[in-house]
């Protein structure tokens, strides 16, 4: 069971850039950070509109003197305070991530960044090098990876329960953008603008999530890939609203990834299915408390989160916040990640390398692999789906 007694000497003084009024993701960050009292929201730059920014900060209980008009002003002012912020979460459009994260590291802050981290692998590598030089944690918000059942699948695959992995099928394919909703939705509009979103839409917005989950569960590295992408809503070109990727993994396994926002009628369809030589494991984010285990020649099994027959001795799996049968969900997954980010930040500040080495969380390397996926997919799709080395 989750240990609610875990405490830091002092909660980490934390700020946000972006994630203002009406932002679902901004709320998810704040709810996750607040869950275990390991972070205190001390400052913020939530909105480009000055009045909304101040009103929103006030409603969140942030001191008006620590609500800033831009991120650089916040970093500079907070650095002069004895009680200045120690960490920042970046929940802004993709095109701003590199500059904000770079400035945050220069200011000596730990960073939690939305994905994709940057437009290019080269930019992400720069951030990795700077975080290492500054001895700061750089975490990437792959929010679905905090589910215990994902780590249960990882443990079972690593143990050889389904045998050597042969096939990995990945999908994240909803239907909510099957019409040009960006004409009246600001949140959708920037995602379909290449100057703000980057070289990809659904692959970056959706595909990187399921790709990371599959990589985490199966532990395999991609060798090469071939990508085909479409803009079914023509005004979205050159960004895709549908993409199919074929992948070849080191060791001989193969896989597919379908990312789409025009899968009409679908809620999410974020599913990872790992097929081994003896059986298969499947995880679906709409039913995240269950794993489906199908062994050849045996009845299919549904494994439930929180039950004693799972590998609950593993800290990644044992962070159940309530017993089995009670559905945990999205916010618990995010809270599990923020809990780990806090422990990692404390360990980094204390030069506790033993804790850092034993503590899993999605870090800058996870972010880099997501950006690498996008770069390779764009290169392949722009060259008639040619195979591209990863």
Protein backbone atom coordinates (compact mmCIF):
# COMPACT_ATOMS: atom_id res chain seq x y z
CA UNK A 1 0.00 0.00 0.00
CA UNK A 2 1.08 3.59 -0.67
CA UNK A 3 3.01 5.17 2.24
CA UNK A 4 1.23 8.43 3.04
CA UNK A 5 3.72 9.14 5.83
CA UNK A 6 6.50 10.05 3.38
CA UNK A 7 7.51 13.65 4.06
CA UNK A 8 10.30 16.02 3.10
CA UNK A 9 11.97 18.26 5.67
CA UNK A 10 10.16 21.10 3.87
CA UNK A 11 7.83 20.84 0.87
CA UNK A 12 9.48 21.88 -2.37
CA UNK A 13 8.71 25.49 -3.27
CA UNK A 14 7.26 25.17 -6.74
CA UNK A 15 5.94 27.32 -9.56
CA UNK A 16 4.19 26.91 -12.88
CA UNK A 17 4.64 28.52 -16.26
CA UNK A 18 1.38 28.19 -18.18
CA UNK A 19 -1.53 26.01 -17.15
CA UNK A 20 -3.86 28.92 -16.47
CA UNK A 21 -7.62 29.23 -16.20
CA UNK A 22 -9.46 26.50 -18.07
CA UNK A 23 -6.37 24.36 -18.68
CA UNK A 24 -7.12 20.70 -17.92
CA UNK A 25 -3.42 19.86 -17.93
CA UNK A 26 -2.58 22.80 -15.65
CA UNK A 27 -5.11 21.53 -13.12
CA UNK A 28 -3.72 17.99 -13.40
CA UNK A 29 -0.23 19.30 -12.52
CA UNK A 30 -1.51 21.25 -9.52
CA UNK A 31 -3.73 18.44 -8.24
CA UNK A 32 -0.89 15.93 -8.53
CA UNK A 33 1.65 18.19 -6.83
CA UNK A 34 -0.73 18.95 -3.96
CA UNK A 35 -1.82 15.35 -3.33
CA UNK A 36 0.94 14.29 -0.93
CA UNK A 37 2.00 17.68 0.48
CA UNK A 38 5.46 17.40 -1.04
CA UNK A 39 5.14 20.61 -3.09
CA UNK A 40 3.90 24.12 -2.27
CA UNK A 41 2.67 26.33 -5.12
CA UNK A 42 4.63 29.48 -4.26
CA UNK A 43 4.67 31.48 -7.50
CA UNK A 44 3.52 31.40 -11.09
CA UNK A 45 3.24 32.88 -14.53
CA UNK A 46 -0.02 31.28 -15.58
CA UNK A 47 -1.40 33.43 -18.39
CA UNK A 48 -0.20 35.95 -20.97
CA UNK A 49 -3.18 38.19 -20.19
CA UNK A 50 -2.15 40.28 -17.13
CA UNK A 51 -5.62 40.56 -15.59
CA UNK A 52 -6.46 36.87 -16.00
CA UNK A 53 -3.02 35.98 -14.70
CA UNK A 54 -3.46 37.99 -11.48
CA UNK A 55 -7.07 36.89 -10.93
CA UNK A 56 -6.21 33.25 -11.43
CA UNK A 57 -3.17 33.39 -9.12
CA UNK A 58 -5.25 35.09 -6.44
CA UNK A 59 -7.95 32.44 -6.71
CA UNK A 60 -5.29 29.75 -6.27
CA UNK A 61 -3.96 31.49 -3.16
CA UNK A 62 -0.69 32.64 -4.73
CA UNK A 63 0.65 35.94 -3.35
CA UNK A 64 0.01 38.65 -5.94
CA UNK A 65 3.62 39.82 -5.54
CA UNK A 66 4.72 36.39 -6.76
CA UNK A 67 2.46 36.29 -9.80
CA UNK A 68 4.67 37.35 -12.68
CA UNK A 69 4.07 38.70 -16.15
CA UNK A 70 6.67 36.43 -17.78
CA UNK A 71 8.81 33.45 -16.85
CA UNK A 72 12.16 35.27 -16.93
CA UNK A 73 10.91 37.93 -14.55
CA UNK A 74 9.77 35.14 -12.23
CA UNK A 75 13.08 33.30 -12.36
CA UNK A 76 15.06 36.51 -11.73
CA UNK A 77 12.88 37.74 -8.86
CA UNK A 78 12.57 34.38 -7.15
CA UNK A 79 16.34 33.89 -7.24
CA UNK A 80 16.66 36.96 -5.00
CA UNK A 81 14.34 35.59 -2.32
CA UNK A 82 15.41 33.41 0.59
CA UNK A 83 12.15 31.53 0.11
CA UNK A 84 12.41 31.50 -3.69
CA UNK A 85 11.13 28.65 -5.79
CA UNK A 86 13.16 25.47 -6.17
CA UNK A 87 11.31 23.84 -9.05
CA UNK A 88 9.05 24.75 -11.96
CA UNK A 89 6.57 22.92 -14.16
CA UNK A 90 6.30 24.01 -17.78
CA UNK A 91 2.79 23.57 -19.22
CA UNK A 92 2.95 25.85 -22.24
CA UNK A 93 2.69 25.18 -25.99
CA UNK A 94 5.47 23.01 -27.42
CA UNK A 95 7.37 25.76 -29.20
CA UNK A 96 8.15 27.54 -25.93
CA UNK A 97 9.49 24.55 -23.99
CA UNK A 98 13.16 24.82 -24.89
CA UNK A 99 13.57 28.50 -24.02
CA UNK A 100 11.67 28.24 -20.73
CA UNK A 101 13.41 25.05 -19.59
CA UNK A 102 16.81 26.42 -20.58
CA UNK A 103 16.19 29.58 -18.54
CA UNK A 104 14.88 27.55 -15.60
CA UNK A 105 18.02 25.45 -15.48
CA UNK A 106 20.15 28.60 -15.70
CA UNK A 107 18.21 29.86 -12.68
CA UNK A 108 19.14 26.70 -10.77
CA UNK A 109 15.68 25.13 -10.79
CA UNK A 110 14.51 21.55 -11.10
CA UNK A 111 12.26 21.18 -14.14
CA UNK A 112 9.10 19.21 -14.93
CA UNK A 113 8.20 19.68 -18.59
CA UNK A 114 5.27 18.69 -20.76
CA UNK A 115 6.00 16.57 -23.84
CA UNK A 116 7.30 16.76 -26.45
CA UNK A 117 10.17 18.45 -24.63
CA UNK A 118 11.50 20.31 -27.68
CA UNK A 119 11.21 20.43 -31.47
CA UNK A 120 14.53 18.64 -32.05
CA UNK A 121 16.69 15.97 -30.45
CA UNK A 122 19.62 18.40 -30.51
CA UNK A 123 17.69 20.87 -28.32
CA UNK A 124 16.69 18.10 -25.91
CA UNK A 125 20.30 16.93 -25.66
CA UNK A 126 21.31 20.49 -24.76
CA UNK A 127 18.82 20.49 -21.90
CA UNK A 128 20.07 17.10 -20.71
CA UNK A 129 23.65 18.35 -20.64
CA UNK A 130 22.71 21.54 -18.80
CA UNK A 131 20.60 19.66 -16.21
CA UNK A 132 23.56 17.36 -15.53
CA UNK A 133 25.93 20.34 -15.25
CA UNK A 134 23.59 22.12 -12.84
CA UNK A 135 22.81 18.94 -10.85
CA UNK A 136 19.09 19.38 -11.39
CA UNK A 137 16.28 16.92 -11.99
CA UNK A 138 14.69 17.16 -15.42
CA UNK A 139 11.41 15.24 -15.48
CA UNK A 140 9.05 14.78 -18.42
CA UNK A 141 5.30 14.55 -17.87
CA UNK A 142 4.33 11.20 -19.34
CA UNK A 143 1.29 11.18 -17.08
CA UNK A 144 -0.02 7.71 -17.90
CA UNK A 145 3.19 6.04 -16.74
CA UNK A 146 2.24 6.40 -13.07
CA UNK A 147 -0.34 3.61 -13.29
CA UNK A 148 0.66 0.58 -11.23
CA UNK A 149 -0.65 -1.84 -13.86
CA UNK A 150 1.85 -0.50 -16.42
CA UNK A 151 4.67 -1.42 -14.05
CA UNK A 152 3.03 -4.76 -13.30
CA UNK A 153 3.15 -5.52 -17.03
CA UNK A 154 6.79 -4.41 -17.13
CA UNK A 155 7.69 -6.77 -14.28
CA UNK A 156 5.89 -9.71 -15.86
CA UNK A 157 7.49 -9.18 -19.25
CA UNK A 158 10.96 -8.81 -17.71
CA UNK A 159 10.38 -12.00 -15.71
CA UNK A 160 9.63 -13.88 -18.92
CA UNK A 161 6.00 -14.68 -18.16
CA UNK A 162 4.95 -14.28 -21.80
CA UNK A 163 8.29 -15.39 -23.27
CA UNK A 164 10.45 -13.43 -25.67
CA UNK A 165 8.64 -10.41 -27.11
CA UNK A 166 7.68 -10.74 -30.76
CA UNK A 167 5.12 -8.03 -31.51
CA UNK A 168 4.10 -4.72 -29.89
CA UNK A 169 0.89 -3.04 -31.04
CA UNK A 170 0.36 0.54 -29.87
CA UNK A 171 -2.52 2.92 -30.44
CA UNK A 172 -3.77 6.26 -29.16
CA UNK A 173 -6.62 7.12 -31.48
CA UNK A 174 -9.55 9.29 -30.38
CA UNK A 175 -12.24 10.86 -32.53
CA UNK A 176 -12.71 14.29 -30.97
CA UNK A 177 -10.98 16.20 -33.77
CA UNK A 178 -12.70 14.51 -36.69
CA UNK A 179 -13.96 17.94 -37.75
CA UNK A 180 -12.11 21.27 -37.87
CA UNK A 181 -12.75 22.10 -34.21
CA UNK A 182 -9.64 24.32 -34.18
CA UNK A 183 -11.78 27.00 -35.82
CA UNK A 184 -13.41 27.66 -32.44
CA UNK A 185 -11.09 25.93 -29.91
CA UNK A 186 -7.90 27.83 -28.89
CA UNK A 187 -6.52 24.71 -27.23
CA UNK A 188 -6.78 22.78 -30.48
CA UNK A 189 -5.72 25.65 -32.70
CA UNK A 190 -2.15 25.93 -31.42
CA UNK A 191 -1.68 22.16 -31.61
CA UNK A 192 -2.31 22.34 -35.36
CA UNK A 193 0.02 25.27 -36.00
CA UNK A 194 3.51 24.00 -36.93
CA UNK A 195 5.17 27.18 -35.65
CA UNK A 196 3.82 26.45 -32.16
CA UNK A 197 3.25 22.69 -32.13
CA UNK A 198 6.32 21.65 -34.09
CA UNK A 199 6.64 19.27 -37.04
CA UNK A 200 3.92 16.89 -35.85
CA UNK A 201 0.43 16.98 -34.36
CA UNK A 202 -1.01 13.60 -33.33
CA UNK A 203 2.32 11.80 -33.20
CA UNK A 204 3.64 14.39 -30.76
CA UNK A 205 0.41 14.95 -28.85
CA UNK A 206 -0.69 11.31 -28.60
CA UNK A 207 1.82 8.91 -30.12
CA UNK A 208 4.67 9.81 -27.79
CA UNK A 209 2.54 8.76 -24.80
CA UNK A 210 1.84 5.24 -26.00
CA UNK A 211 5.35 4.88 -27.43
CA UNK A 212 6.82 5.64 -24.01
CA UNK A 213 4.47 3.22 -22.28
CA UNK A 214 5.38 0.43 -24.71
CA UNK A 215 9.09 1.15 -24.31
CA UNK A 216 8.71 1.08 -20.53
CA UNK A 217 6.70 -2.14 -20.50
CA UNK A 218 8.70 -4.15 -23.04
CA UNK A 219 12.16 -2.64 -22.48
CA UNK A 220 13.04 -2.78 -26.17
CA UNK A 221 14.89 -0.23 -28.31
CA UNK A 222 13.76 0.76 -31.79
CA UNK A 223 16.15 -0.01 -34.61
CA UNK A 224 14.29 1.59 -37.53
CA UNK A 225 10.83 2.74 -38.52
CA UNK A 226 8.59 3.61 -41.45
CA UNK A 227 5.83 6.20 -41.13
CA UNK A 228 2.78 7.17 -43.15
CA UNK A 229 0.78 10.21 -42.09
CA UNK A 230 -2.31 12.02 -43.35
CA UNK A 231 -4.15 15.33 -42.89
CA UNK A 232 -7.77 14.28 -43.33
CA UNK A 233 -8.79 17.82 -42.37
CA UNK A 234 -6.87 19.44 -45.22
CA UNK A 235 -6.39 22.78 -43.47
CA UNK A 236 -4.16 21.01 -40.91
CA UNK A 237 -1.48 20.18 -43.46
CA UNK A 238 1.46 19.82 -43.16
CA UNK A 239 0.60 18.48 -39.68
CA UNK A 240 -1.04 15.08 -39.53
CA UNK A 241 -4.26 14.15 -37.78
CA UNK A 242 -3.68 10.44 -38.48
CA UNK A 243 -0.48 8.40 -38.66
CA UNK A 244 0.61 4.78 -38.94
CA UNK A 245 4.12 3.72 -37.98
CA UNK A 246 5.81 0.36 -38.47
CA UNK A 247 8.75 -0.36 -36.17
CA UNK A 248 11.58 -2.86 -36.04
CA UNK A 249 13.11 -3.38 -32.62
CA UNK A 250 16.57 -4.55 -31.70
CA UNK A 251 16.51 -8.32 -31.27
CA UNK A 252 13.94 -8.99 -33.99
CA UNK A 253 10.61 -7.88 -32.49
CA UNK A 254 8.31 -5.75 -34.63
CA UNK A 255 5.53 -3.29 -33.86
CA UNK A 256 2.95 -0.82 -35.06
CA UNK A 257 1.80 2.55 -33.73
CA UNK A 258 -1.47 4.22 -34.72
CA UNK A 259 -1.96 7.82 -33.60
CA UNK A 260 -5.13 9.61 -34.63
CA UNK A 261 -7.57 12.36 -33.66
CA UNK A 262 -10.07 11.40 -36.37
CA UNK A 263 -11.00 7.92 -35.13
CA UNK A 264 -14.65 8.93 -35.13
CA UNK A 265 -16.62 7.53 -32.20
CA UNK A 266 -13.58 6.55 -30.13
CA UNK A 267 -12.92 7.99 -26.69
CA UNK A 268 -9.18 7.26 -26.43
CA UNK A 269 -8.23 3.82 -27.70
CA UNK A 270 -4.85 4.15 -26.02
CA UNK A 271 -3.87 0.49 -25.92
CA UNK A 272 -0.52 -1.26 -25.64
CA UNK A 273 -0.48 -4.97 -26.47
CA UNK A 274 2.77 -6.88 -26.05
CA UNK A 275 2.83 -10.31 -27.70
CA UNK A 276 5.39 -12.87 -26.58
CA UNK A 277 6.16 -16.40 -27.68
CA UNK A 278 3.95 -17.87 -24.93
CA UNK A 279 1.26 -15.24 -24.38
CA UNK A 280 0.23 -11.60 -24.51
CA UNK A 281 -0.35 -8.69 -22.12
CA UNK A 282 -2.65 -5.78 -22.93
CA UNK A 283 -3.21 -2.46 -21.14
CA UNK A 284 -5.92 0.07 -22.03
CA UNK A 285 -6.04 3.53 -20.46
CA UNK A 286 -9.85 3.53 -20.36
CA UNK A 287 -9.63 0.49 -18.04
CA UNK A 288 -6.33 1.28 -16.32
CA UNK A 289 -6.96 -0.79 -13.19
CA UNK A 290 -6.90 -4.01 -15.22
CA UNK A 291 -4.35 -5.93 -17.24
CA UNK A 292 -5.48 -8.59 -19.69
CA UNK A 293 -3.20 -11.64 -19.69
CA UNK A 294 -3.77 -14.20 -22.44
CA UNK A 295 -1.62 -17.33 -22.38
CA UNK A 296 -1.79 -19.71 -25.32
CA UNK A 297 -4.05 -22.67 -24.50
CA UNK A 298 -5.41 -21.11 -21.29
CA UNK A 299 -8.46 -18.99 -20.47
CA UNK A 300 -7.87 -15.24 -20.66
CA UNK A 301 -7.29 -13.58 -17.28
CA UNK A 302 -8.08 -10.07 -16.10
CA UNK A 303 -5.58 -8.99 -13.43
CA UNK A 304 -6.84 -6.33 -11.01
CA UNK A 305 -4.78 -3.55 -9.47
CA UNK A 306 -4.19 -3.87 -5.75
CA UNK A 307 -4.60 -7.63 -5.44
CA UNK A 308 -2.17 -9.85 -3.52
CA UNK A 309 -1.42 -12.02 -6.55
CA UNK A 310 0.45 -9.12 -8.17
CA UNK A 311 4.08 -8.18 -7.54
CA UNK A 312 3.25 -5.74 -4.77
CA UNK A 313 6.75 -5.90 -3.29
CA UNK A 314 7.96 -3.75 -6.19
CA UNK A 315 7.78 -0.05 -5.15
CA UNK A 316 6.62 0.90 -8.64
CA UNK A 317 3.65 -1.41 -8.32
CA UNK A 318 2.87 -1.15 -4.61
CA UNK A 319 1.85 2.54 -4.69
CA UNK A 320 -1.83 1.65 -4.40
CA UNK A 321 -3.63 4.57 -2.78
CA UNK A 322 -6.66 2.43 -2.01
CA UNK A 323 -7.34 -1.31 -2.02
CA UNK A 324 -8.24 -3.35 -5.04
CA UNK A 325 -11.77 -3.03 -6.39
CA UNK A 326 -11.80 0.75 -5.91
CA UNK A 327 -10.88 2.36 -9.25
CA UNK A 328 -7.85 4.61 -9.19
CA UNK A 329 -7.41 6.84 -12.19
CA UNK A 330 -5.67 9.64 -14.06
CA UNK A 331 -5.04 11.93 -11.09
CA UNK A 332 -3.57 9.11 -9.02
CA UNK A 333 -1.20 8.29 -11.87
CA UNK A 334 -0.03 11.90 -12.02
CA UNK A 335 0.27 12.09 -8.23
CA UNK A 336 2.45 8.98 -8.22
CA UNK A 337 4.79 10.73 -10.65
CA UNK A 338 4.91 14.00 -8.71
CA UNK A 339 5.65 11.99 -5.56
CA UNK A 340 8.67 10.50 -7.31
CA UNK A 341 9.75 13.86 -8.72
CA UNK A 342 9.82 15.29 -5.17
CA UNK A 343 11.91 12.39 -3.88
CA UNK A 344 14.29 12.76 -6.83
CA UNK A 345 14.67 16.51 -6.28
CA UNK A 346 15.40 16.01 -2.61
CA UNK A 347 17.93 13.30 -3.41
CA UNK A 348 19.61 15.47 -6.05
CA UNK A 349 19.91 18.41 -3.66
CA UNK A 350 21.32 16.11 -0.96
CA UNK A 351 23.70 14.41 -3.41
CA UNK A 352 22.02 11.13 -2.52
CA UNK A 353 23.13 9.15 -5.56
CA UNK A 354 21.93 5.83 -4.13
CA UNK A 355 18.31 7.02 -4.01
CA UNK A 356 18.58 8.63 -7.44
CA UNK A 357 19.89 5.44 -8.99
CA UNK A 358 17.12 3.34 -7.46
CA UNK A 359 14.28 5.74 -8.22
CA UNK A 360 12.36 5.44 -11.48
CA UNK A 361 10.61 8.42 -13.09
CA UNK A 362 10.25 9.63 -16.71
CA UNK A 363 13.34 11.78 -17.15
CA UNK A 364 14.97 13.78 -19.93
CA UNK A 365 16.11 10.59 -21.66
CA UNK A 366 12.46 9.55 -21.96
CA UNK A 367 11.75 12.96 -23.43
CA UNK A 368 14.60 12.68 -25.90
CA UNK A 369 13.34 9.35 -27.22
CA UNK A 370 9.92 10.87 -27.80
CA UNK A 371 11.42 13.72 -29.81
CA UNK A 372 13.56 11.22 -31.72
CA UNK A 373 10.38 9.32 -32.63
CA UNK A 374 8.88 12.49 -34.10
CA UNK A 375 12.00 13.41 -36.05
CA UNK A 376 12.24 9.94 -37.59
CA UNK A 377 8.51 9.75 -38.37
CA UNK A 378 8.53 13.11 -40.15
CA UNK A 379 11.65 12.16 -42.12
CA UNK A 380 10.13 8.84 -43.15
CA UNK A 381 6.70 10.23 -44.07
CA UNK A 382 8.23 13.06 -46.08
CA UNK A 383 10.21 10.48 -48.05
CA UNK A 384 7.37 8.22 -49.14
CA UNK A 385 7.46 6.14 -45.91
CA UNK A 386 11.11 5.18 -46.34
CA UNK A 387 12.67 3.16 -43.53
CA UNK A 388 14.68 5.43 -41.24
CA UNK A 389 17.29 4.37 -38.69
CA UNK A 390 16.21 5.37 -35.18
